[in-house]
Amino acid sequence: LKLHLQTTDYGNFLANESGPLTISTIDDKLKTKLLTEFHYFRNHAFEPLTTFLNFITYSYMIDNVILLITGTLHQRPIAELVPKCHPLGSFEQMEAVSIASNPTELFNAILVDTPL
């Protein structure tokens, strides 16, 4: 796989990996590269492209919010849930879920105080 990717733009993202490549390693490295390139494009874009790129992140934010709400309602620790969230949908108030003790506080902590 490394040999096939060396001739592409993705050739260097696995260059520092030693040992056998696992699916999770490739997935983590690809997500990191995607996130880096996405933030680069969004930071250098002009309107209306900036708004469009922000719209792309909203679906990931919604998925992350649903994951956090479901996990909180099932008494899962926040430290277990946050790493499972997609990086394109991360936002600062995600970890505020841990302070919510009922659905009303959960609604106010996430949906009122987030970019959604």
PDB file of N, CA and C in Angstrom:
ATOM      1  N   LEU A   1       0.826  -1.189   0.000  1.00  0.00           N
ATOM      2  CA  LEU A   1       0.000   0.000   0.000  1.00  0.00           C
ATOM      3  C   LEU A   1       0.870   1.253   0.000  1.00  0.00           C
ATOM      4  N   LYS A   2       1.931   1.226   0.819  1.00  0.00           N
ATOM      5  CA  LYS A   2       2.836   2.386   0.857  1.00  0.00           C
ATOM      6  C   LYS A   2       3.443   2.634  -0.516  1.00  0.00           C
ATOM      7  N   LEU A   3       3.791   1.565  -1.204  1.00  0.00           N
ATOM      8  CA  LEU A   3       4.402   1.681  -2.527  1.00  0.00           C
ATOM      9  C   LEU A   3       3.438   2.321  -3.521  1.00  0.00           C
ATOM     10  N   HIS A   4       2.176   1.942  -3.474  1.00  0.00           N
ATOM     11  CA  HIS A   4       1.184   2.500  -4.394  1.00  0.00           C
ATOM     12  C   HIS A   4       0.873   3.955  -4.079  1.00  0.00           C
ATOM     13  N   LEU A   5       0.937   4.331  -2.822  1.00  0.00           N
ATOM     14  CA  LEU A   5       0.596   5.701  -2.432  1.00  0.00           C
ATOM     15  C   LEU A   5       1.754   6.685  -2.585  1.00  0.00           C
ATOM     16  N   GLN A   6       2.966   6.202  -2.743  1.00  0.00           N
ATOM     17  CA  GLN A   6       4.122   7.092  -2.830  1.00  0.00           C
ATOM     18  C   GLN A   6       4.061   8.033  -4.016  1.00  0.00           C
ATOM     19  N   THR A   7       3.401   7.643  -5.073  1.00  0.00           N
ATOM     20  CA  THR A   7       3.337   8.489  -6.266  1.00  0.00           C
ATOM     21  C   THR A   7       2.170   9.471  -6.222  1.00  0.00           C
ATOM     22  N   THR A   8       1.396   9.466  -5.145  1.00  0.00           N
ATOM     23  CA  THR A   8       0.246  10.360  -5.027  1.00  0.00           C
ATOM     24  C   THR A   8       0.502  11.415  -3.955  1.00  0.00           C
ATOM     25  N   ASP A   9      -0.474  12.297  -3.782  1.00  0.00           N
ATOM     26  CA  ASP A   9      -0.384  13.303  -2.724  1.00  0.00           C
ATOM     27  C   ASP A   9      -0.465  12.687  -1.338  1.00  0.00           C
ATOM     28  N   TYR A  10      -0.945  11.462  -1.256  1.00  0.00           N
ATOM     29  CA  TYR A  10      -1.074  10.784   0.032  1.00  0.00           C
ATOM     30  C   TYR A  10       0.140   9.910   0.347  1.00  0.00           C
ATOM     31  N   GLY A  11       1.184  10.026  -0.424  1.00  0.00           N
ATOM     32  CA  GLY A  11       2.360   9.194  -0.241  1.00  0.00           C
ATOM     33  C   GLY A  11       3.096   9.409   1.062  1.00  0.00           C
ATOM     34  N   ASN A  12       3.097  10.616   1.567  1.00  0.00           N
ATOM     35  CA  ASN A  12       3.899  10.892   2.761  1.00  0.00           C
ATOM     36  C   ASN A  12       3.149  10.685   4.075  1.00  0.00           C
ATOM     37  N   PHE A  13       1.842  10.460   4.054  1.00  0.00           N
ATOM     38  CA  PHE A  13       1.126  10.375   5.324  1.00  0.00           C
ATOM     39  C   PHE A  13       1.356   9.042   6.032  1.00  0.00           C
ATOM     40  N   LEU A  14       1.836   8.032   5.328  1.00  0.00           N
ATOM     41  CA  LEU A  14       2.182   6.758   5.949  1.00  0.00           C
ATOM     42  C   LEU A  14       3.685   6.523   5.996  1.00  0.00           C
ATOM     43  N   ALA A  15       4.466   7.511   5.618  1.00  0.00           N
ATOM     44  CA  ALA A  15       5.913   7.331   5.535  1.00  0.00           C
ATOM     45  C   ALA A  15       6.545   7.054   6.892  1.00  0.00           C
ATOM     46  N   ASN A  16       6.031   7.622   7.954  1.00  0.00           N
ATOM     47  CA  ASN A  16       6.628   7.451   9.281  1.00  0.00           C
ATOM     48  C   ASN A  16       6.084   6.252  10.045  1.00  0.00           C
ATOM     49  N   GLU A  17       5.197   5.503   9.443  1.00  0.00           N
ATOM     50  CA  GLU A  17       4.629   4.331  10.108  1.00  0.00           C
ATOM     51  C   GLU A  17       5.549   3.136   9.909  1.00  0.00           C
ATOM     52  N   SER A  18       5.976   2.570  11.013  1.00  0.00           N
ATOM     53  CA  SER A  18       6.802   1.364  10.935  1.00  0.00           C
ATOM     54  C   SER A  18       5.945   0.173  11.346  1.00  0.00           C
ATOM     55  N   GLY A  19       6.297  -0.964  10.874  1.00  0.00           N
ATOM     56  CA  GLY A  19       5.543  -2.159  11.212  1.00  0.00           C
ATOM     57  C   GLY A  19       4.380  -2.366  10.270  1.00  0.00           C
ATOM     58  N   PRO A  20       3.566  -3.353  10.575  1.00  0.00           N
ATOM     59  CA  PRO A  20       2.434  -3.650   9.688  1.00  0.00           C
ATOM     60  C   PRO A  20       1.357  -2.570   9.771  1.00  0.00           C
ATOM     61  N   LEU A  21       0.775  -2.280   8.637  1.00  0.00           N
ATOM     62  CA  LEU A  21      -0.303  -1.294   8.584  1.00  0.00           C
ATOM     63  C   LEU A  21      -1.630  -1.969   8.909  1.00  0.00           C
ATOM     64  N   THR A  22      -2.337  -1.390   9.839  1.00  0.00           N
ATOM     65  CA  THR A  22      -3.666  -1.897  10.166  1.00  0.00           C
ATOM     66  C   THR A  22      -4.708  -0.939   9.599  1.00  0.00           C
ATOM     67  N   ILE A  23      -5.922  -1.411   9.520  1.00  0.00           N
ATOM     68  CA  ILE A  23      -7.013  -0.590   9.004  1.00  0.00           C
ATOM     69  C   ILE A  23      -7.213   0.641   9.880  1.00  0.00           C
ATOM     70  N   SER A  24      -7.137   0.470  11.190  1.00  0.00           N
ATOM     71  CA  SER A  24      -7.354   1.609  12.093  1.00  0.00           C
ATOM     72  C   SER A  24      -6.253   2.654  11.948  1.00  0.00           C
ATOM     73  N   THR A  25      -5.022   2.229  11.710  1.00  0.00           N
ATOM     74  CA  THR A  25      -3.925   3.178  11.500  1.00  0.00           C
ATOM     75  C   THR A  25      -4.152   3.983  10.230  1.00  0.00           C
ATOM     76  N   ILE A  26      -4.507   3.308   9.157  1.00  0.00           N
ATOM     77  CA  ILE A  26      -4.765   3.993   7.888  1.00  0.00           C
ATOM     78  C   ILE A  26      -5.950   4.942   8.039  1.00  0.00           C
ATOM     79  N   ASP A  27      -7.000   4.497   8.721  1.00  0.00           N
ATOM     80  CA  ASP A  27      -8.181   5.331   8.937  1.00  0.00           C
ATOM     81  C   ASP A  27      -7.832   6.578   9.745  1.00  0.00           C
ATOM     82  N   ASP A  28      -7.074   6.418  10.815  1.00  0.00           N
ATOM     83  CA  ASP A  28      -6.682   7.569  11.642  1.00  0.00           C
ATOM     84  C   ASP A  28      -5.836   8.561  10.856  1.00  0.00           C
ATOM     85  N   LYS A  29      -4.886   8.051  10.095  1.00  0.00           N
ATOM     86  CA  LYS A  29      -4.016   8.936   9.311  1.00  0.00           C
ATOM     87  C   LYS A  29      -4.796   9.650   8.209  1.00  0.00           C
ATOM     88  N   LEU A  30      -5.731   8.943   7.567  1.00  0.00           N
ATOM     89  CA  LEU A  30      -6.543   9.579   6.526  1.00  0.00           C
ATOM     90  C   LEU A  30      -7.458  10.650   7.102  1.00  0.00           C
ATOM     91  N   LYS A  31      -8.045  10.390   8.278  1.00  0.00           N
ATOM     92  CA  LYS A  31      -8.890  11.405   8.918  1.00  0.00           C
ATOM     93  C   LYS A  31      -8.078  12.638   9.290  1.00  0.00           C
ATOM     94  N   THR A  32      -6.870  12.423   9.784  1.00  0.00           N
ATOM     95  CA  THR A  32      -6.009  13.551  10.145  1.00  0.00           C
ATOM     96  C   THR A  32      -5.670  14.377   8.916  1.00  0.00           C
ATOM     97  N   LYS A  33      -5.331  13.709   7.817  1.00  0.00           N
ATOM     98  CA  LYS A  33      -4.995  14.424   6.586  1.00  0.00           C
ATOM     99  C   LYS A  33      -6.219  15.147   6.022  1.00  0.00           C
ATOM    100  N   LEU A  34      -7.369  14.489   6.035  1.00  0.00           N
ATOM    101  CA  LEU A  34      -8.605  15.117   5.570  1.00  0.00           C
ATOM    102  C   LEU A  34      -8.926  16.353   6.395  1.00  0.00           C
ATOM    103  N   LEU A  35      -8.803  16.251   7.699  1.00  0.00           N
ATOM    104  CA  LEU A  35      -9.097  17.374   8.582  1.00  0.00           C
ATOM    105  C   LEU A  35      -8.143  18.539   8.333  1.00  0.00           C
ATOM    106  N   THR A  36      -6.875  18.244   8.162  1.00  0.00           N
ATOM    107  CA  THR A  36      -5.883  19.285   7.889  1.00  0.00           C
ATOM    108  C   THR A  36      -6.187  19.997   6.575  1.00  0.00           C
ATOM    109  N   GLU A  37      -6.462  19.226   5.530  1.00  0.00           N
ATOM    110  CA  GLU A  37      -6.753  19.825   4.228  1.00  0.00           C
ATOM    111  C   GLU A  37      -8.077  20.581   4.235  1.00  0.00           C
ATOM    112  N   PHE A  38      -9.078  20.062   4.940  1.00  0.00           N
ATOM    113  CA  PHE A  38     -10.366  20.734   5.011  1.00  0.00           C
ATOM    114  C   PHE A  38     -10.225  22.090   5.702  1.00  0.00           C
ATOM    115  N   HIS A  39      -9.517  22.121   6.830  1.00  0.00           N
ATOM    116  CA  HIS A  39      -9.322  23.393   7.531  1.00  0.00           C
ATOM    117  C   HIS A  39      -8.509  24.375   6.686  1.00  0.00           C
ATOM    118  N   TYR A  40      -7.551  23.870   5.931  1.00  0.00           N
ATOM    119  CA  TYR A  40      -6.768  24.735   5.046  1.00  0.00           C
ATOM    120  C   TYR A  40      -7.680  25.375   3.993  1.00  0.00           C
ATOM    121  N   PHE A  41      -8.510  24.544   3.336  1.00  0.00           N
ATOM    122  CA  PHE A  41      -9.423  25.075   2.316  1.00  0.00           C
ATOM    123  C   PHE A  41     -10.405  26.074   2.906  1.00  0.00           C
ATOM    124  N   ARG A  42     -10.970  25.739   4.057  1.00  0.00           N
ATOM    125  CA  ARG A  42     -11.969  26.628   4.659  1.00  0.00           C
ATOM    126  C   ARG A  42     -11.342  27.942   5.104  1.00  0.00           C
ATOM    127  N   ASN A  43     -10.119  27.898   5.624  1.00  0.00           N
ATOM    128  CA  ASN A  43      -9.461  29.123   6.079  1.00  0.00           C
ATOM    129  C   ASN A  43      -9.029  30.026   4.933  1.00  0.00           C
ATOM    130  N   HIS A  44      -8.843  29.470   3.745  1.00  0.00           N
ATOM    131  CA  HIS A  44      -8.393  30.259   2.603  1.00  0.00           C
ATOM    132  C   HIS A  44      -9.497  30.511   1.577  1.00  0.00           C
ATOM    133  N   ALA A  45     -10.706  30.117   1.892  1.00  0.00           N
ATOM    134  CA  ALA A  45     -11.817  30.267   0.949  1.00  0.00           C
ATOM    135  C   ALA A  45     -12.512  31.611   1.134  1.00  0.00           C
ATOM    136  N   PHE A  46     -13.172  32.044   0.077  1.00  0.00           N
ATOM    137  CA  PHE A  46     -14.003  33.245   0.106  1.00  0.00           C
ATOM    138  C   PHE A  46     -15.470  32.818   0.030  1.00  0.00           C
ATOM    139  N   GLU A  47     -16.340  33.753   0.367  1.00  0.00           N
ATOM    140  CA  GLU A  47     -17.781  33.484   0.261  1.00  0.00           C
ATOM    141  C   GLU A  47     -18.144  33.289  -1.204  1.00  0.00           C
ATOM    142  N   PRO A  48     -19.044  32.445  -1.530  1.00  0.00           N
ATOM    143  CA  PRO A  48     -19.927  31.597  -0.742  1.00  0.00           C
ATOM    144  C   PRO A  48     -19.331  30.230  -0.407  1.00  0.00           C
ATOM    145  N   LEU A  49     -18.083  29.971  -0.830  1.00  0.00           N
ATOM    146  CA  LEU A  49     -17.468  28.673  -0.550  1.00  0.00           C
ATOM    147  C   LEU A  49     -17.291  28.445   0.946  1.00  0.00           C
ATOM    148  N   THR A  50     -16.962  29.476   1.702  1.00  0.00           N
ATOM    149  CA  THR A  50     -16.791  29.332   3.146  1.00  0.00           C
ATOM    150  C   THR A  50     -18.083  28.853   3.794  1.00  0.00           C
ATOM    151  N   THR A  51     -19.190  29.435   3.402  1.00  0.00           N
ATOM    152  CA  THR A  51     -20.484  29.024   3.948  1.00  0.00           C
ATOM    153  C   THR A  51     -20.793  27.581   3.574  1.00  0.00           C
ATOM    154  N   PHE A  52     -20.511  27.210   2.346  1.00  0.00           N
ATOM    155  CA  PHE A  52     -20.742  25.835   1.911  1.00  0.00           C
ATOM    156  C   PHE A  52     -19.899  24.854   2.722  1.00  0.00           C
ATOM    157  N   LEU A  53     -18.634  25.169   2.940  1.00  0.00           N
ATOM    158  CA  LEU A  53     -17.769  24.291   3.729  1.00  0.00           C
ATOM    159  C   LEU A  53     -18.239  24.201   5.177  1.00  0.00           C
ATOM    160  N   ASN A  54     -18.777  25.290   5.705  1.00  0.00           N
ATOM    161  CA  ASN A  54     -19.356  25.233   7.051  1.00  0.00           C
ATOM    162  C   ASN A  54     -20.584  24.331   7.075  1.00  0.00           C
ATOM    163  N   PHE A  55     -21.392  24.380   6.012  1.00  0.00           N
ATOM    164  CA  PHE A  55     -22.567  23.511   5.941  1.00  0.00           C
ATOM    165  C   PHE A  55     -22.169  22.039   5.947  1.00  0.00           C
ATOM    166  N   ILE A  56     -21.042  21.718   5.348  1.00  0.00           N
ATOM    167  CA  ILE A  56     -20.567  20.334   5.340  1.00  0.00           C
ATOM    168  C   ILE A  56     -20.321  19.841   6.762  1.00  0.00           C
ATOM    169  N   THR A  57     -19.802  20.702   7.619  1.00  0.00           N
ATOM    170  CA  THR A  57     -19.495  20.278   8.991  1.00  0.00           C
ATOM    171  C   THR A  57     -20.747  20.084   9.839  1.00  0.00           C
ATOM    172  N   TYR A  58     -21.854  20.698   9.469  1.00  0.00           N
ATOM    173  CA  TYR A  58     -23.055  20.622  10.305  1.00  0.00           C
ATOM    174  C   TYR A  58     -23.590  19.202  10.446  1.00  0.00           C
ATOM    175  N   SER A  59     -23.554  18.419   9.390  1.00  0.00           N
ATOM    176  CA  SER A  59     -24.062  17.043   9.504  1.00  0.00           C
ATOM    177  C   SER A  59     -23.209  16.227  10.467  1.00  0.00           C
ATOM    178  N   TYR A  60     -21.895  16.465  10.454  1.00  0.00           N
ATOM    179  CA  TYR A  60     -21.022  15.772  11.402  1.00  0.00           C
ATOM    180  C   TYR A  60     -21.266  16.257  12.827  1.00  0.00           C
ATOM    181  N   MET A  61     -21.558  17.547  12.989  1.00  0.00           N
ATOM    182  CA  MET A  61     -21.890  18.067  14.317  1.00  0.00           C
ATOM    183  C   MET A  61     -23.166  17.422  14.840  1.00  0.00           C
ATOM    184  N   ILE A  62     -24.161  17.293  13.982  1.00  0.00           N
ATOM    185  CA  ILE A  62     -25.419  16.667  14.388  1.00  0.00           C
ATOM    186  C   ILE A  62     -25.186  15.215  14.791  1.00  0.00           C
ATOM    187  N   ASP A  63     -24.396  14.488  14.004  1.00  0.00           N
ATOM    188  CA  ASP A  63     -24.078  13.100  14.354  1.00  0.00           C
ATOM    189  C   ASP A  63     -23.360  13.021  15.695  1.00  0.00           C
ATOM    190  N   ASN A  64     -22.424  13.944  15.931  1.00  0.00           N
ATOM    191  CA  ASN A  64     -21.705  13.954  17.204  1.00  0.00           C
ATOM    192  C   ASN A  64     -22.636  14.268  18.366  1.00  0.00           C
ATOM    193  N   VAL A  65     -23.550  15.202  18.167  1.00  0.00           N
ATOM    194  CA  VAL A  65     -24.506  15.553  19.225  1.00  0.00           C
ATOM    195  C   VAL A  65     -25.391  14.354  19.551  1.00  0.00           C
ATOM    196  N   ILE A  66     -25.857  13.656  18.533  1.00  0.00           N
ATOM    197  CA  ILE A  66     -26.695  12.474  18.764  1.00  0.00           C
ATOM    198  C   ILE A  66     -25.909  11.407  19.512  1.00  0.00           C
ATOM    199  N   LEU A  67     -24.657  11.205  19.133  1.00  0.00           N
ATOM    200  CA  LEU A  67     -23.810  10.242  19.832  1.00  0.00           C
ATOM    201  C   LEU A  67     -23.634  10.631  21.296  1.00  0.00           C
ATOM    202  N   LEU A  68     -23.384  11.904  21.559  1.00  0.00           N
ATOM    203  CA  LEU A  68     -23.182  12.364  22.933  1.00  0.00           C
ATOM    204  C   LEU A  68     -24.463  12.274  23.757  1.00  0.00           C
ATOM    205  N   ILE A  69     -25.583  12.636  23.164  1.00  0.00           N
ATOM    206  CA  ILE A  69     -26.855  12.555  23.893  1.00  0.00           C
ATOM    207  C   ILE A  69     -27.192  11.102  24.216  1.00  0.00           C
ATOM    208  N   THR A  70     -27.057  10.233  23.237  1.00  0.00           N
ATOM    209  CA  THR A  70     -27.352   8.819  23.462  1.00  0.00           C
ATOM    210  C   THR A  70     -26.422   8.227  24.513  1.00  0.00           C
ATOM    211  N   GLY A  71     -25.150   8.539  24.413  1.00  0.00           N
ATOM    212  CA  GLY A  71     -24.194   8.030  25.395  1.00  0.00           C
ATOM    213  C   GLY A  71     -24.448   8.559  26.791  1.00  0.00           C
ATOM    214  N   THR A  72     -24.806   9.825  26.892  1.00  0.00           N
ATOM    215  CA  THR A  72     -25.091  10.414  28.200  1.00  0.00           C
ATOM    216  C   THR A  72     -26.344   9.809  28.813  1.00  0.00           C
ATOM    217  N   LEU A  73     -27.364   9.597  28.007  1.00  0.00           N
ATOM    218  CA  LEU A  73     -28.592   8.991  28.519  1.00  0.00           C
ATOM    219  C   LEU A  73     -28.380   7.543  28.966  1.00  0.00           C
ATOM    220  N   HIS A  74     -27.352   6.888  28.430  1.00  0.00           N
ATOM    221  CA  HIS A  74     -27.014   5.526  28.847  1.00  0.00           C
ATOM    222  C   HIS A  74     -25.880   5.510  29.875  1.00  0.00           C
ATOM    223  N   GLN A  75     -25.609   6.643  30.505  1.00  0.00           N
ATOM    224  CA  GLN A  75     -24.598   6.793  31.556  1.00  0.00           C
ATOM    225  C   GLN A  75     -23.192   6.375  31.110  1.00  0.00           C
ATOM    226  N   ARG A  76     -22.837   6.679  29.887  1.00  0.00           N
ATOM    227  CA  ARG A  76     -21.473   6.440  29.419  1.00  0.00           C
ATOM    228  C   ARG A  76     -20.612   7.628  29.806  1.00  0.00           C
ATOM    229  N   PRO A  77     -19.359   7.410  30.186  1.00  0.00           N
ATOM    230  CA  PRO A  77     -18.487   8.547  30.519  1.00  0.00           C
ATOM    231  C   PRO A  77     -18.135   9.361  29.274  1.00  0.00           C
ATOM    232  N   ILE A  78     -18.018  10.669  29.468  1.00  0.00           N
ATOM    233  CA  ILE A  78     -17.742  11.571  28.347  1.00  0.00           C
ATOM    234  C   ILE A  78     -16.382  11.275  27.724  1.00  0.00           C
ATOM    235  N   ALA A  79     -15.428  10.819  28.533  1.00  0.00           N
ATOM    236  CA  ALA A  79     -14.093  10.494  28.014  1.00  0.00           C
ATOM    237  C   ALA A  79     -14.144   9.324  27.035  1.00  0.00           C
ATOM    238  N   GLU A  80     -15.140   8.484  27.157  1.00  0.00           N
ATOM    239  CA  GLU A  80     -15.307   7.358  26.239  1.00  0.00           C
ATOM    240  C   GLU A  80     -15.999   7.779  24.947  1.00  0.00           C
ATOM    241  N   LEU A  81     -16.840   8.808  25.027  1.00  0.00           N
ATOM    242  CA  LEU A  81     -17.639   9.221  23.876  1.00  0.00           C
ATOM    243  C   LEU A  81     -16.915  10.180  22.938  1.00  0.00           C
ATOM    244  N   VAL A  82     -16.161  11.112  23.486  1.00  0.00           N
ATOM    245  CA  VAL A  82     -15.529  12.152  22.657  1.00  0.00           C
ATOM    246  C   VAL A  82     -14.575  11.569  21.607  1.00  0.00           C
ATOM    247  N   PRO A  83     -13.747  10.572  21.921  1.00  0.00           N
ATOM    248  CA  PRO A  83     -12.888  10.020  20.859  1.00  0.00           C
ATOM    249  C   PRO A  83     -13.654   9.344  19.727  1.00  0.00           C
ATOM    250  N   LYS A  84     -14.894   8.952  19.964  1.00  0.00           N
ATOM    251  CA  LYS A  84     -15.699   8.311  18.923  1.00  0.00           C
ATOM    252  C   LYS A  84     -16.347   9.319  17.987  1.00  0.00           C
ATOM    253  N   CYS A  85     -16.313  10.586  18.328  1.00  0.00           N
ATOM    254  CA  CYS A  85     -16.915  11.632  17.501  1.00  0.00           C
ATOM    255  C   CYS A  85     -16.057  11.908  16.274  1.00  0.00           C
ATOM    256  N   HIS A  86     -16.704  12.275  15.188  1.00  0.00           N
ATOM    257  CA  HIS A  86     -15.985  12.588  13.948  1.00  0.00           C
ATOM    258  C   HIS A  86     -15.288  13.940  14.098  1.00  0.00           C
ATOM    259  N   PRO A  87     -14.034  14.039  13.685  1.00  0.00           N
ATOM    260  CA  PRO A  87     -13.293  15.298  13.875  1.00  0.00           C
ATOM    261  C   PRO A  87     -13.849  16.490  13.098  1.00  0.00           C
ATOM    262  N   LEU A  88     -14.512  16.274  11.970  1.00  0.00           N
ATOM    263  CA  LEU A  88     -15.083  17.406  11.238  1.00  0.00           C
ATOM    264  C   LEU A  88     -16.273  18.017  11.967  1.00  0.00           C
ATOM    265  N   GLY A  89     -16.865  17.274  12.873  1.00  0.00           N
ATOM    266  CA  GLY A  89     -18.014  17.773  13.605  1.00  0.00           C
ATOM    267  C   GLY A  89     -17.709  18.183  15.025  1.00  0.00           C
ATOM    268  N   SER A  90     -16.448  18.355  15.347  1.00  0.00           N
ATOM    269  CA  SER A  90     -16.115  18.729  16.724  1.00  0.00           C
ATOM    270  C   SER A  90     -16.304  20.228  16.930  1.00  0.00           C
ATOM    271  N   PHE A  91     -16.700  20.584  18.140  1.00  0.00           N
ATOM    272  CA  PHE A  91     -16.876  21.980  18.518  1.00  0.00           C
ATOM    273  C   PHE A  91     -16.576  22.096  20.004  1.00  0.00           C
ATOM    274  N   GLU A  92     -16.378  23.311  20.467  1.00  0.00           N
ATOM    275  CA  GLU A  92     -15.887  23.545  21.824  1.00  0.00           C
ATOM    276  C   GLU A  92     -16.829  23.048  22.910  1.00  0.00           C
ATOM    277  N   GLN A  93     -18.122  23.130  22.710  1.00  0.00           N
ATOM    278  CA  GLN A  93     -19.081  22.810  23.756  1.00  0.00           C
ATOM    279  C   GLN A  93     -19.401  21.318  23.846  1.00  0.00           C
ATOM    280  N   MET A  94     -18.717  20.476  23.098  1.00  0.00           N
ATOM    281  CA  MET A  94     -19.034  19.052  23.092  1.00  0.00           C
ATOM    282  C   MET A  94     -18.901  18.424  24.470  1.00  0.00           C
ATOM    283  N   GLU A  95     -17.912  18.828  25.214  1.00  0.00           N
ATOM    284  CA  GLU A  95     -17.680  18.200  26.510  1.00  0.00           C
ATOM    285  C   GLU A  95     -18.575  18.757  27.603  1.00  0.00           C
ATOM    286  N   ALA A  96     -19.434  19.708  27.280  1.00  0.00           N
ATOM    287  CA  ALA A  96     -20.379  20.239  28.263  1.00  0.00           C
ATOM    288  C   ALA A  96     -21.481  19.241  28.577  1.00  0.00           C
ATOM    289  N   VAL A  97     -21.542  18.169  27.834  1.00  0.00           N
ATOM    290  CA  VAL A  97     -22.561  17.155  28.060  1.00  0.00           C
ATOM    291  C   VAL A  97     -22.409  16.517  29.436  1.00  0.00           C
ATOM    292  N   SER A  98     -21.197  16.406  29.919  1.00  0.00           N
ATOM    293  CA  SER A  98     -20.960  15.715  31.186  1.00  0.00           C
ATOM    294  C   SER A  98     -21.607  16.422  32.369  1.00  0.00           C
ATOM    295  N   ILE A  99     -21.891  17.715  32.256  1.00  0.00           N
ATOM    296  CA  ILE A  99     -22.505  18.436  33.370  1.00  0.00           C
ATOM    297  C   ILE A  99     -24.020  18.331  33.362  1.00  0.00           C
ATOM    298  N   ALA A 100     -24.580  17.850  32.279  1.00  0.00           N
ATOM    299  CA  ALA A 100     -26.039  17.755  32.173  1.00  0.00           C
ATOM    300  C   ALA A 100     -26.536  16.524  32.925  1.00  0.00           C
ATOM    301  N   SER A 101     -27.563  16.730  33.749  1.00  0.00           N
ATOM    302  CA  SER A 101     -28.093  15.612  34.531  1.00  0.00           C
ATOM    303  C   SER A 101     -29.492  15.192  34.093  1.00  0.00           C
ATOM    304  N   ASN A 102     -30.143  16.008  33.272  1.00  0.00           N
ATOM    305  CA  ASN A 102     -31.467  15.635  32.766  1.00  0.00           C
ATOM    306  C   ASN A 102     -31.592  16.122  31.325  1.00  0.00           C
ATOM    307  N   PRO A 103     -32.619  15.668  30.609  1.00  0.00           N
ATOM    308  CA  PRO A 103     -32.745  16.045  29.188  1.00  0.00           C
ATOM    309  C   PRO A 103     -32.833  17.549  28.937  1.00  0.00           C
ATOM    310  N   THR A 104     -33.430  18.310  29.844  1.00  0.00           N
ATOM    311  CA  THR A 104     -33.528  19.761  29.650  1.00  0.00           C
ATOM    312  C   THR A 104     -32.158  20.413  29.716  1.00  0.00           C
ATOM    313  N   GLU A 105     -31.351  20.032  30.700  1.00  0.00           N
ATOM    314  CA  GLU A 105     -29.988  20.569  30.792  1.00  0.00           C
ATOM    315  C   GLU A 105     -29.155  20.121  29.601  1.00  0.00           C
ATOM    316  N   LEU A 106     -29.373  18.893  29.159  1.00  0.00           N
ATOM    317  CA  LEU A 106     -28.663  18.379  27.989  1.00  0.00           C
ATOM    318  C   LEU A 106     -29.013  19.193  26.750  1.00  0.00           C
ATOM    319  N   PHE A 107     -30.281  19.500  26.565  1.00  0.00           N
ATOM    320  CA  PHE A 107     -30.728  20.326  25.445  1.00  0.00           C
ATOM    321  C   PHE A 107     -30.073  21.699  25.504  1.00  0.00           C
ATOM    322  N   ASN A 108     -30.083  22.330  26.675  1.00  0.00           N
ATOM    323  CA  ASN A 108     -29.487  23.661  26.819  1.00  0.00           C
ATOM    324  C   ASN A 108     -27.977  23.626  26.652  1.00  0.00           C
ATOM    325  N   ALA A 109     -27.330  22.589  27.146  1.00  0.00           N
ATOM    326  CA  ALA A 109     -25.868  22.510  27.081  1.00  0.00           C
ATOM    327  C   ALA A 109     -25.372  22.307  25.660  1.00  0.00           C
ATOM    328  N   ILE A 110     -26.107  21.555  24.866  1.00  0.00           N
ATOM    329  CA  ILE A 110     -25.611  21.234  23.524  1.00  0.00           C
ATOM    330  C   ILE A 110     -26.292  22.053  22.444  1.00  0.00           C
ATOM    331  N   LEU A 111     -27.584  21.962  22.332  1.00  0.00           N
ATOM    332  CA  LEU A 111     -28.262  22.556  21.184  1.00  0.00           C
ATOM    333  C   LEU A 111     -28.396  24.066  21.265  1.00  0.00           C
ATOM    334  N   VAL A 112     -28.473  24.633  22.445  1.00  0.00           N
ATOM    335  CA  VAL A 112     -28.607  26.082  22.563  1.00  0.00           C
ATOM    336  C   VAL A 112     -27.249  26.763  22.454  1.00  0.00           C
ATOM    337  N   ASP A 113     -26.217  26.147  23.010  1.00  0.00           N
ATOM    338  CA  ASP A 113     -24.902  26.780  23.076  1.00  0.00           C
ATOM    339  C   ASP A 113     -23.945  26.351  21.975  1.00  0.00           C
ATOM    340  N   THR A 114     -24.423  25.706  20.936  1.00  0.00           N
ATOM    341  CA  THR A 114     -23.536  25.248  19.866  1.00  0.00           C
ATOM    342  C   THR A 114     -23.804  26.017  18.580  1.00  0.00           C
ATOM    343  N   PRO A 115     -22.936  25.856  17.586  1.00  0.00           N
ATOM    344  CA  PRO A 115     -23.154  26.522  16.294  1.00  0.00           C
ATOM    345  C   PRO A 115     -24.383  26.013  15.554  1.00  0.00           C
ATOM    346  N   LEU A 116     -24.922  24.877  15.955  1.00  0.00           N
ATOM    347  CA  LEU A 116     -26.098  24.339  15.272  1.00  0.00           C
ATOM    348  C   LEU A 116     -27.298  25.212  15.520  1.00  0.00           C
TER     349      LEU A 116
END
